Amino acid sequence: IDRIYLNFSDPWPKVRHHFRRLTSKIFLDKYDK
């Protein structure tokens, strides 16, 4: 992949759901791959 677009992703506002955000560490680590 050369570029990822994240447009108007679900904000998951509750703190316990922040890991689901597409810019959480969980996803950023996956993007590395």
PDB file of all heavy atoms in Angstrom:
ATOM      1  N   ILE A   1       0.836  -1.196   0.000  1.00  0.00           N
ATOM      2  CA  ILE A   1       0.000   0.000   0.000  1.00  0.00           C
ATOM      3  C   ILE A   1       0.876   1.254   0.000  1.00  0.00           C
ATOM      4  O   ILE A   1       1.884   1.330   0.707  1.00  0.00           O
ATOM      5  CB  ILE A   1      -0.917   0.023   1.248  1.00  0.00           C
ATOM      6  CG1 ILE A   1      -1.819  -1.202   1.278  1.00  0.00           C
ATOM      7  CG2 ILE A   1      -1.751   1.302   1.274  1.00  0.00           C
ATOM      8  CD1 ILE A   1      -2.723  -1.343   0.093  1.00  0.00           C
ATOM      9  N   ASP A   2       0.474   2.246  -0.781  1.00  0.00           N
ATOM     10  CA  ASP A   2       1.193   3.520  -0.822  1.00  0.00           C
ATOM     11  C   ASP A   2       0.491   4.620  -0.027  1.00  0.00           C
ATOM     12  O   ASP A   2       1.151   5.522   0.486  1.00  0.00           O
ATOM     13  CB  ASP A   2       1.354   3.978  -2.274  1.00  0.00           C
ATOM     14  CG  ASP A   2       2.242   3.040  -3.066  1.00  0.00           C
ATOM     15  OD1 ASP A   2       3.477   3.175  -2.973  1.00  0.00           O
ATOM     16  OD2 ASP A   2       1.709   2.149  -3.755  1.00  0.00           O
ATOM     17  N   ARG A   3      -0.824   4.548   0.055  1.00  0.00           N
ATOM     18  CA  ARG A   3      -1.558   5.579   0.799  1.00  0.00           C
ATOM     19  C   ARG A   3      -2.851   5.007   1.350  1.00  0.00           C
ATOM     20  O   ARG A   3      -3.509   4.190   0.695  1.00  0.00           O
ATOM     21  CB  ARG A   3      -1.877   6.783  -0.094  1.00  0.00           C
ATOM     22  CG  ARG A   3      -2.644   7.914   0.620  1.00  0.00           C
ATOM     23  CD  ARG A   3      -2.948   9.066  -0.325  1.00  0.00           C
ATOM     24  NE  ARG A   3      -1.720   9.694  -0.795  1.00  0.00           N
ATOM     25  CZ  ARG A   3      -1.695  10.657  -1.730  1.00  0.00           C
ATOM     26  NH1 ARG A   3      -2.827  11.065  -2.282  1.00  0.00           N
ATOM     27  NH2 ARG A   3      -0.539  11.185  -2.105  1.00  0.00           N
ATOM     28  N   ILE A   4      -3.216   5.451   2.553  1.00  0.00           N
ATOM     29  CA  ILE A   4      -4.488   5.092   3.170  1.00  0.00           C
ATOM     30  C   ILE A   4      -5.305   6.356   3.388  1.00  0.00           C
ATOM     31  O   ILE A   4      -4.810   7.340   3.948  1.00  0.00           O
ATOM     32  CB  ILE A   4      -4.281   4.383   4.526  1.00  0.00           C
ATOM     33  CG1 ILE A   4      -3.602   3.024   4.323  1.00  0.00           C
ATOM     34  CG2 ILE A   4      -5.610   4.205   5.251  1.00  0.00           C
ATOM     35  CD1 ILE A   4      -3.260   2.305   5.625  1.00  0.00           C
ATOM     36  N   TYR A   5      -6.553   6.333   2.937  1.00  0.00           N
ATOM     37  CA  TYR A   5      -7.499   7.409   3.214  1.00  0.00           C
ATOM     38  C   TYR A   5      -8.429   6.983   4.349  1.00  0.00           C
ATOM     39  O   TYR A   5      -9.009   5.895   4.317  1.00  0.00           O
ATOM     40  CB  TYR A   5      -8.355   7.712   1.987  1.00  0.00           C
ATOM     41  CG  TYR A   5      -7.628   8.368   0.837  1.00  0.00           C
ATOM     42  CD1 TYR A   5      -7.342   7.651  -0.328  1.00  0.00           C
ATOM     43  CD2 TYR A   5      -7.242   9.705   0.900  1.00  0.00           C
ATOM     44  CE1 TYR A   5      -6.681   8.248  -1.397  1.00  0.00           C
ATOM     45  CE2 TYR A   5      -6.586  10.310  -0.164  1.00  0.00           C
ATOM     46  CZ  TYR A   5      -6.312   9.578  -1.307  1.00  0.00           C
ATOM     47  OH  TYR A   5      -5.665  10.169  -2.354  1.00  0.00           O
ATOM     48  N   LEU A   6      -8.569   7.844   5.335  1.00  0.00           N
ATOM     49  CA  LEU A   6      -9.524   7.652   6.431  1.00  0.00           C
ATOM     50  C   LEU A   6     -10.472   8.845   6.416  1.00  0.00           C
ATOM     51  O   LEU A   6     -10.133   9.927   6.909  1.00  0.00           O
ATOM     52  CB  LEU A   6      -8.802   7.556   7.781  1.00  0.00           C
ATOM     53  CG  LEU A   6      -7.733   6.464   7.914  1.00  0.00           C
ATOM     54  CD1 LEU A   6      -7.038   6.573   9.269  1.00  0.00           C
ATOM     55  CD2 LEU A   6      -8.336   5.076   7.725  1.00  0.00           C
ATOM     56  N   ASN A   7     -11.620   8.661   5.826  1.00  0.00           N
ATOM     57  CA  ASN A   7     -12.573   9.759   5.661  1.00  0.00           C
ATOM     58  C   ASN A   7     -13.800   9.563   6.547  1.00  0.00           C
ATOM     59  O   ASN A   7     -14.549   8.607   6.375  1.00  0.00           O
ATOM     60  CB  ASN A   7     -13.024   9.852   4.197  1.00  0.00           C
ATOM     61  CG  ASN A   7     -11.896  10.282   3.273  1.00  0.00           C
ATOM     62  OD1 ASN A   7     -11.090  11.128   3.637  1.00  0.00           O
ATOM     63  ND2 ASN A   7     -11.824   9.692   2.094  1.00  0.00           N
ATOM     64  N   PHE A   8     -13.952  10.446   7.521  1.00  0.00           N
ATOM     65  CA  PHE A   8     -15.152  10.470   8.365  1.00  0.00           C
ATOM     66  C   PHE A   8     -15.401   9.110   9.025  1.00  0.00           C
ATOM     67  O   PHE A   8     -16.506   8.585   9.010  1.00  0.00           O
ATOM     68  CB  PHE A   8     -16.354  10.974   7.565  1.00  0.00           C
ATOM     69  CG  PHE A   8     -16.088  12.330   6.983  1.00  0.00           C
ATOM     70  CD1 PHE A   8     -15.575  12.456   5.696  1.00  0.00           C
ATOM     71  CD2 PHE A   8     -16.278  13.472   7.741  1.00  0.00           C
ATOM     72  CE1 PHE A   8     -15.270  13.706   5.166  1.00  0.00           C
ATOM     73  CE2 PHE A   8     -15.970  14.721   7.225  1.00  0.00           C
ATOM     74  CZ  PHE A   8     -15.470  14.847   5.941  1.00  0.00           C
ATOM     75  N   SER A   9     -14.322   8.584   9.586  1.00  0.00           N
ATOM     76  CA  SER A   9     -14.393   7.307  10.290  1.00  0.00           C
ATOM     77  C   SER A   9     -15.234   7.443  11.550  1.00  0.00           C
ATOM     78  O   SER A   9     -15.378   8.535  12.113  1.00  0.00           O
ATOM     79  CB  SER A   9     -12.979   6.844  10.670  1.00  0.00           C
ATOM     80  OG  SER A   9     -12.117   6.861   9.558  1.00  0.00           O
ATOM     81  N   ASP A  10     -15.770   6.332  12.019  1.00  0.00           N
ATOM     82  CA  ASP A  10     -16.529   6.306  13.262  1.00  0.00           C
ATOM     83  C   ASP A  10     -15.641   6.840  14.388  1.00  0.00           C
ATOM     84  O   ASP A  10     -14.546   6.317  14.614  1.00  0.00           O
ATOM     85  CB  ASP A  10     -16.956   4.873  13.577  1.00  0.00           C
ATOM     86  CG  ASP A  10     -17.995   4.781  14.683  1.00  0.00           C
ATOM     87  OD1 ASP A  10     -17.950   5.620  15.616  1.00  0.00           O
ATOM     88  OD2 ASP A  10     -18.836   3.869  14.639  1.00  0.00           O
ATOM     89  N   PRO A  11     -16.073   7.872  15.115  1.00  0.00           N
ATOM     90  CA  PRO A  11     -15.217   8.459  16.166  1.00  0.00           C
ATOM     91  C   PRO A  11     -15.142   7.638  17.442  1.00  0.00           C
ATOM     92  O   PRO A  11     -14.281   7.904  18.285  1.00  0.00           O
ATOM     93  CB  PRO A  11     -15.870   9.819  16.434  1.00  0.00           C
ATOM     94  CG  PRO A  11     -17.307   9.617  16.085  1.00  0.00           C
ATOM     95  CD  PRO A  11     -17.310   8.651  14.922  1.00  0.00           C
ATOM     96  N   TRP A  12     -16.025   6.668  17.617  1.00  0.00           N
ATOM     97  CA  TRP A  12     -16.035   5.860  18.842  1.00  0.00           C
ATOM     98  C   TRP A  12     -15.772   6.748  20.055  1.00  0.00           C
ATOM     99  O   TRP A  12     -14.716   6.669  20.679  1.00  0.00           O
ATOM    100  CB  TRP A  12     -14.995   4.732  18.751  1.00  0.00           C
ATOM    101  CG  TRP A  12     -15.307   3.724  17.698  1.00  0.00           C
ATOM    102  CD1 TRP A  12     -14.701   3.574  16.494  1.00  0.00           C
ATOM    103  CD2 TRP A  12     -16.324   2.704  17.751  1.00  0.00           C
ATOM    104  NE1 TRP A  12     -15.265   2.530  15.789  1.00  0.00           N
ATOM    105  CE2 TRP A  12     -16.270   1.973  16.546  1.00  0.00           C
ATOM    106  CE3 TRP A  12     -17.277   2.340  18.722  1.00  0.00           C
ATOM    107  CZ2 TRP A  12     -17.127   0.910  16.269  1.00  0.00           C
ATOM    108  CZ3 TRP A  12     -18.129   1.271  18.439  1.00  0.00           C
ATOM    109  CH2 TRP A  12     -18.045   0.580  17.223  1.00  0.00           C
ATOM    110  N   PRO A  13     -16.722   7.576  20.442  1.00  0.00           N
ATOM    111  CA  PRO A  13     -16.495   8.602  21.466  1.00  0.00           C
ATOM    112  C   PRO A  13     -16.252   8.090  22.888  1.00  0.00           C
ATOM    113  O   PRO A  13     -15.579   8.768  23.663  1.00  0.00           O
ATOM    114  CB  PRO A  13     -17.777   9.440  21.400  1.00  0.00           C
ATOM    115  CG  PRO A  13     -18.805   8.534  20.812  1.00  0.00           C
ATOM    116  CD  PRO A  13     -18.075   7.651  19.862  1.00  0.00           C
ATOM    117  N   LYS A  14     -16.773   6.917  23.226  1.00  0.00           N
ATOM    118  CA  LYS A  14     -16.579   6.415  24.587  1.00  0.00           C
ATOM    119  C   LYS A  14     -15.133   5.954  24.772  1.00  0.00           C
ATOM    120  O   LYS A  14     -14.572   5.271  23.923  1.00  0.00           O
ATOM    121  CB  LYS A  14     -17.540   5.261  24.871  1.00  0.00           C
ATOM    122  CG  LYS A  14     -19.002   5.685  24.892  1.00  0.00           C
ATOM    123  CD  LYS A  14     -19.912   4.507  25.222  1.00  0.00           C
ATOM    124  CE  LYS A  14     -21.383   4.965  25.241  1.00  0.00           C
ATOM    125  NZ  LYS A  14     -22.309   3.836  25.546  1.00  0.00           N
ATOM    126  N   VAL A  15     -14.551   6.322  25.909  1.00  0.00           N
ATOM    127  CA  VAL A  15     -13.143   6.026  26.166  1.00  0.00           C
ATOM    128  C   VAL A  15     -12.849   4.536  26.041  1.00  0.00           C
ATOM    129  O   VAL A  15     -11.811   4.134  25.492  1.00  0.00           O
ATOM    130  CB  VAL A  15     -12.736   6.530  27.569  1.00  0.00           C
ATOM    131  CG1 VAL A  15     -11.312   6.087  27.911  1.00  0.00           C
ATOM    132  CG2 VAL A  15     -12.831   8.049  27.629  1.00  0.00           C
ATOM    133  N   ARG A  16     -13.749   3.695  26.499  1.00  0.00           N
ATOM    134  CA  ARG A  16     -13.499   2.249  26.449  1.00  0.00           C
ATOM    135  C   ARG A  16     -13.486   1.700  25.022  1.00  0.00           C
ATOM    136  O   ARG A  16     -13.096   0.562  24.800  1.00  0.00           O
ATOM    137  CB  ARG A  16     -14.538   1.501  27.288  1.00  0.00           C
ATOM    138  CG  ARG A  16     -15.954   1.523  26.752  1.00  0.00           C
ATOM    139  CD  ARG A  16     -16.866   0.661  27.629  1.00  0.00           C
ATOM    140  NE  ARG A  16     -18.233   0.577  27.136  1.00  0.00           N
ATOM    141  CZ  ARG A  16     -19.202   1.420  27.450  1.00  0.00           C
ATOM    142  NH1 ARG A  16     -18.947   2.437  28.259  1.00  0.00           N
ATOM    143  NH2 ARG A  16     -20.425   1.264  26.967  1.00  0.00           N
ATOM    144  N   HIS A  17     -13.917   2.523  24.059  1.00  0.00           N
ATOM    145  CA  HIS A  17     -13.945   2.098  22.661  1.00  0.00           C
ATOM    146  C   HIS A  17     -12.846   2.757  21.822  1.00  0.00           C
ATOM    147  O   HIS A  17     -12.786   2.524  20.616  1.00  0.00           O
ATOM    148  CB  HIS A  17     -15.298   2.420  22.030  1.00  0.00           C
ATOM    149  CG  HIS A  17     -16.424   1.616  22.588  1.00  0.00           C
ATOM    150  ND1 HIS A  17     -17.734   2.055  22.577  1.00  0.00           N
ATOM    151  CD2 HIS A  17     -16.451   0.399  23.193  1.00  0.00           C
ATOM    152  CE1 HIS A  17     -18.511   1.144  23.134  1.00  0.00           C
ATOM    153  NE2 HIS A  17     -17.755   0.133  23.507  1.00  0.00           N
ATOM    154  N   HIS A  18     -11.975   3.549  22.431  1.00  0.00           N
ATOM    155  CA  HIS A  18     -10.971   4.278  21.654  1.00  0.00           C
ATOM    156  C   HIS A  18     -10.061   3.354  20.849  1.00  0.00           C
ATOM    157  O   HIS A  18      -9.550   3.735  19.800  1.00  0.00           O
ATOM    158  CB  HIS A  18     -10.129   5.168  22.573  1.00  0.00           C
ATOM    159  CG  HIS A  18     -10.821   6.435  22.953  1.00  0.00           C
ATOM    160  ND1 HIS A  18     -10.195   7.447  23.654  1.00  0.00           N
ATOM    161  CD2 HIS A  18     -12.090   6.860  22.735  1.00  0.00           C
ATOM    162  CE1 HIS A  18     -11.054   8.444  23.851  1.00  0.00           C
ATOM    163  NE2 HIS A  18     -12.209   8.103  23.307  1.00  0.00           N
ATOM    164  N   PHE A  19      -9.856   2.124  21.321  1.00  0.00           N
ATOM    165  CA  PHE A  19      -8.999   1.192  20.599  1.00  0.00           C
ATOM    166  C   PHE A  19      -9.585   0.834  19.237  1.00  0.00           C
ATOM    167  O   PHE A  19      -8.873   0.329  18.358  1.00  0.00           O
ATOM    168  CB  PHE A  19      -8.769  -0.075  21.427  1.00  0.00           C
ATOM    169  CG  PHE A  19      -9.981  -0.968  21.560  1.00  0.00           C
ATOM    170  CD1 PHE A  19     -10.193  -2.019  20.678  1.00  0.00           C
ATOM    171  CD2 PHE A  19     -10.929  -0.736  22.550  1.00  0.00           C
ATOM    172  CE1 PHE A  19     -11.311  -2.829  20.795  1.00  0.00           C
ATOM    173  CE2 PHE A  19     -12.053  -1.553  22.668  1.00  0.00           C
ATOM    174  CZ  PHE A  19     -12.245  -2.600  21.793  1.00  0.00           C
ATOM    175  N   ARG A  20     -10.890   1.078  19.045  1.00  0.00           N
ATOM    176  CA  ARG A  20     -11.523   0.777  17.765  1.00  0.00           C
ATOM    177  C   ARG A  20     -11.305   1.872  16.722  1.00  0.00           C
ATOM    178  O   ARG A  20     -11.605   1.683  15.547  1.00  0.00           O
ATOM    179  CB  ARG A  20     -13.029   0.571  17.962  1.00  0.00           C
ATOM    180  CG  ARG A  20     -13.388  -0.592  18.877  1.00  0.00           C
ATOM    181  CD  ARG A  20     -14.889  -0.763  18.971  1.00  0.00           C
ATOM    182  NE  ARG A  20     -15.265  -1.827  19.890  1.00  0.00           N
ATOM    183  CZ  ARG A  20     -16.518  -2.187  20.156  1.00  0.00           C
ATOM    184  NH1 ARG A  20     -17.518  -1.545  19.553  1.00  0.00           N
ATOM    185  NH2 ARG A  20     -16.775  -3.160  21.011  1.00  0.00           N
ATOM    186  N   ARG A  21     -10.814   3.011  17.165  1.00  0.00           N
ATOM    187  CA  ARG A  21     -10.589   4.112  16.220  1.00  0.00           C
ATOM    188  C   ARG A  21      -9.518   3.706  15.206  1.00  0.00           C
ATOM    189  O   ARG A  21      -8.535   3.046  15.545  1.00  0.00           O
ATOM    190  CB  ARG A  21     -10.154   5.365  16.978  1.00  0.00           C
ATOM    191  CG  ARG A  21     -11.256   5.973  17.829  1.00  0.00           C
ATOM    192  CD  ARG A  21     -10.762   7.136  18.669  1.00  0.00           C
ATOM    193  NE  ARG A  21     -11.886   7.868  19.238  1.00  0.00           N
ATOM    194  CZ  ARG A  21     -11.749   8.928  20.048  1.00  0.00           C
ATOM    195  NH1 ARG A  21     -10.531   9.361  20.371  1.00  0.00           N
ATOM    196  NH2 ARG A  21     -12.820   9.544  20.518  1.00  0.00           N
ATOM    197  N   LEU A  22      -9.703   4.126  13.971  1.00  0.00           N
ATOM    198  CA  LEU A  22      -8.801   3.715  12.892  1.00  0.00           C
ATOM    199  C   LEU A  22      -7.429   4.360  12.977  1.00  0.00           C
ATOM    200  O   LEU A  22      -6.537   4.041  12.179  1.00  0.00           O
ATOM    201  CB  LEU A  22      -9.443   3.995  11.533  1.00  0.00           C
ATOM    202  CG  LEU A  22     -10.681   3.150  11.211  1.00  0.00           C
ATOM    203  CD1 LEU A  22     -11.239   3.514   9.838  1.00  0.00           C
ATOM    204  CD2 LEU A  22     -10.374   1.659  11.274  1.00  0.00           C
ATOM    205  N   THR A  23      -7.238   5.256  13.957  1.00  0.00           N
ATOM    206  CA  THR A  23      -5.903   5.812  14.214  1.00  0.00           C
ATOM    207  C   THR A  23      -5.400   5.405  15.593  1.00  0.00           C
ATOM    208  O   THR A  23      -4.470   6.024  16.116  1.00  0.00           O
ATOM    209  CB  THR A  23      -5.914   7.346  14.091  1.00  0.00           C
ATOM    210  OG1 THR A  23      -7.000   7.880  14.873  1.00  0.00           O
ATOM    211  CG2 THR A  23      -6.066   7.784  12.642  1.00  0.00           C
ATOM    212  N   SER A  24      -5.997   4.378  16.187  1.00  0.00           N
ATOM    213  CA  SER A  24      -5.483   3.856  17.451  1.00  0.00           C
ATOM    214  C   SER A  24      -4.170   3.114  17.197  1.00  0.00           C
ATOM    215  O   SER A  24      -3.842   2.771  16.050  1.00  0.00           O
ATOM    216  CB  SER A  24      -6.490   2.908  18.105  1.00  0.00           C
ATOM    217  OG  SER A  24      -6.575   1.701  17.367  1.00  0.00           O
ATOM    218  N   LYS A  25      -3.409   2.863  18.247  1.00  0.00           N
ATOM    219  CA  LYS A  25      -2.140   2.150  18.102  1.00  0.00           C
ATOM    220  C   LYS A  25      -2.356   0.772  17.464  1.00  0.00           C
ATOM    221  O   LYS A  25      -1.518   0.313  16.663  1.00  0.00           O
ATOM    222  CB  LYS A  25      -1.466   1.987  19.456  1.00  0.00           C
ATOM    223  CG  LYS A  25      -0.093   1.318  19.378  1.00  0.00           C
ATOM    224  CD  LYS A  25       0.546   1.175  20.741  1.00  0.00           C
ATOM    225  CE  LYS A  25       1.957   0.602  20.634  1.00  0.00           C
ATOM    226  NZ  LYS A  25       1.996  -0.725  19.989  1.00  0.00           N
ATOM    227  N   ILE A  26      -3.466   0.128  17.795  1.00  0.00           N
ATOM    228  CA  ILE A  26      -3.752  -1.193  17.222  1.00  0.00           C
ATOM    229  C   ILE A  26      -3.762  -1.126  15.698  1.00  0.00           C
ATOM    230  O   ILE A  26      -3.141  -1.942  15.015  1.00  0.00           O
ATOM    231  CB  ILE A  26      -5.105  -1.720  17.738  1.00  0.00           C
ATOM    232  CG1 ILE A  26      -4.996  -2.086  19.217  1.00  0.00           C
ATOM    233  CG2 ILE A  26      -5.574  -2.924  16.921  1.00  0.00           C
ATOM    234  CD1 ILE A  26      -6.315  -2.472  19.848  1.00  0.00           C
ATOM    235  N   PHE A  27      -4.453  -0.124  15.154  1.00  0.00           N
ATOM    236  CA  PHE A  27      -4.538  -0.011  13.696  1.00  0.00           C
ATOM    237  C   PHE A  27      -3.243   0.516  13.096  1.00  0.00           C
ATOM    238  O   PHE A  27      -2.811   0.053  12.027  1.00  0.00           O
ATOM    239  CB  PHE A  27      -5.719   0.870  13.306  1.00  0.00           C
ATOM    240  CG  PHE A  27      -7.030   0.148  13.334  1.00  0.00           C
ATOM    241  CD1 PHE A  27      -7.876   0.263  14.427  1.00  0.00           C
ATOM    242  CD2 PHE A  27      -7.419  -0.674  12.298  1.00  0.00           C
ATOM    243  CE1 PHE A  27      -9.081  -0.423  14.476  1.00  0.00           C
ATOM    244  CE2 PHE A  27      -8.620  -1.370  12.328  1.00  0.00           C
ATOM    245  CZ  PHE A  27      -9.452  -1.237  13.422  1.00  0.00           C
ATOM    246  N   LEU A  28      -2.603   1.468  13.756  1.00  0.00           N
ATOM    247  CA  LEU A  28      -1.347   2.001  13.213  1.00  0.00           C
ATOM    248  C   LEU A  28      -0.290   0.901  13.117  1.00  0.00           C
ATOM    249  O   LEU A  28       0.496   0.875  12.160  1.00  0.00           O
ATOM    250  CB  LEU A  28      -0.844   3.160  14.072  1.00  0.00           C
ATOM    251  CG  LEU A  28      -1.713   4.419  14.076  1.00  0.00           C
ATOM    252  CD1 LEU A  28      -1.078   5.505  14.936  1.00  0.00           C
ATOM    253  CD2 LEU A  28      -1.958   4.949  12.667  1.00  0.00           C
ATOM    254  N   ASP A  29      -0.283  -0.013  14.081  1.00  0.00           N
ATOM    255  CA  ASP A  29       0.650  -1.140  14.013  1.00  0.00           C
ATOM    256  C   ASP A  29       0.315  -2.065  12.842  1.00  0.00           C
ATOM    257  O   ASP A  29       1.211  -2.610  12.185  1.00  0.00           O
ATOM    258  CB  ASP A  29       0.622  -1.928  15.317  1.00  0.00           C
ATOM    259  CG  ASP A  29       1.305  -1.197  16.469  1.00  0.00           C
ATOM    260  OD1 ASP A  29       2.023  -0.206  16.206  1.00  0.00           O
ATOM    261  OD2 ASP A  29       1.113  -1.611  17.630  1.00  0.00           O
ATOM    262  N   LYS A  30      -0.971  -2.239  12.577  1.00  0.00           N
ATOM    263  CA  LYS A  30      -1.376  -3.054  11.428  1.00  0.00           C
ATOM    264  C   LYS A  30      -0.979  -2.378  10.109  1.00  0.00           C
ATOM    265  O   LYS A  30      -0.546  -3.053   9.162  1.00  0.00           O
ATOM    266  CB  LYS A  30      -2.887  -3.313  11.465  1.00  0.00           C
ATOM    267  CG  LYS A  30      -3.316  -4.338  12.514  1.00  0.00           C
ATOM    268  CD  LYS A  30      -4.816  -4.563  12.491  1.00  0.00           C
ATOM    269  CE  LYS A  30      -5.203  -5.658  13.464  1.00  0.00           C
ATOM    270  NZ  LYS A  30      -4.786  -7.007  13.013  1.00  0.00           N
ATOM    271  N   TYR A  31      -1.110  -1.060  10.051  1.00  0.00           N
ATOM    272  CA  TYR A  31      -0.742  -0.350   8.830  1.00  0.00           C
ATOM    273  C   TYR A  31       0.749  -0.527   8.521  1.00  0.00           C
ATOM    274  O   TYR A  31       1.143  -0.542   7.345  1.00  0.00           O
ATOM    275  CB  TYR A  31      -1.069   1.139   8.953  1.00  0.00           C
ATOM    276  CG  TYR A  31      -2.520   1.459   9.220  1.00  0.00           C
ATOM    277  CD1 TYR A  31      -2.887   2.655   9.835  1.00  0.00           C
ATOM    278  CD2 TYR A  31      -3.539   0.567   8.875  1.00  0.00           C
ATOM    279  CE1 TYR A  31      -4.220   2.960  10.090  1.00  0.00           C
ATOM    280  CE2 TYR A  31      -4.871   0.861   9.130  1.00  0.00           C
ATOM    281  CZ  TYR A  31      -5.200   2.063   9.751  1.00  0.00           C
ATOM    282  OH  TYR A  31      -6.523   2.362  10.016  1.00  0.00           O
ATOM    283  N   ASP A  32       1.578  -0.664   9.571  1.00  0.00           N
ATOM    284  CA  ASP A  32       3.008  -0.895   9.340  1.00  0.00           C
ATOM    285  C   ASP A  32       3.237  -2.110   8.453  1.00  0.00           C
ATOM    286  O   ASP A  32       4.202  -2.154   7.683  1.00  0.00           O
ATOM    287  CB  ASP A  32       3.725  -1.135  10.678  1.00  0.00           C
ATOM    288  CG  ASP A  32       3.920   0.133  11.482  1.00  0.00           C
ATOM    289  OD1 ASP A  32       3.799   1.232  10.908  1.00  0.00           O
ATOM    290  OD2 ASP A  32       4.191   0.029  12.698  1.00  0.00           O
ATOM    291  N   LYS A  33       2.370  -3.093   8.556  1.00  0.00           N
ATOM    292  CA  LYS A  33       2.536  -4.345   7.825  1.00  0.00           C
ATOM    293  C   LYS A  33       2.043  -4.265   6.382  1.00  0.00           C
ATOM    294  O   LYS A  33       2.382  -5.126   5.565  1.00  0.00           O
ATOM    295  CB  LYS A  33       1.788  -5.471   8.540  1.00  0.00           C
ATOM    296  CG  LYS A  33       2.258  -5.712   9.966  1.00  0.00           C
ATOM    297  CD  LYS A  33       1.385  -6.750  10.651  1.00  0.00           C
ATOM    298  CE  LYS A  33       1.768  -6.939  12.113  1.00  0.00           C
ATOM    299  NZ  LYS A  33       0.903  -7.930  12.800  1.00  0.00           N
TER     300      LYS A  33
END
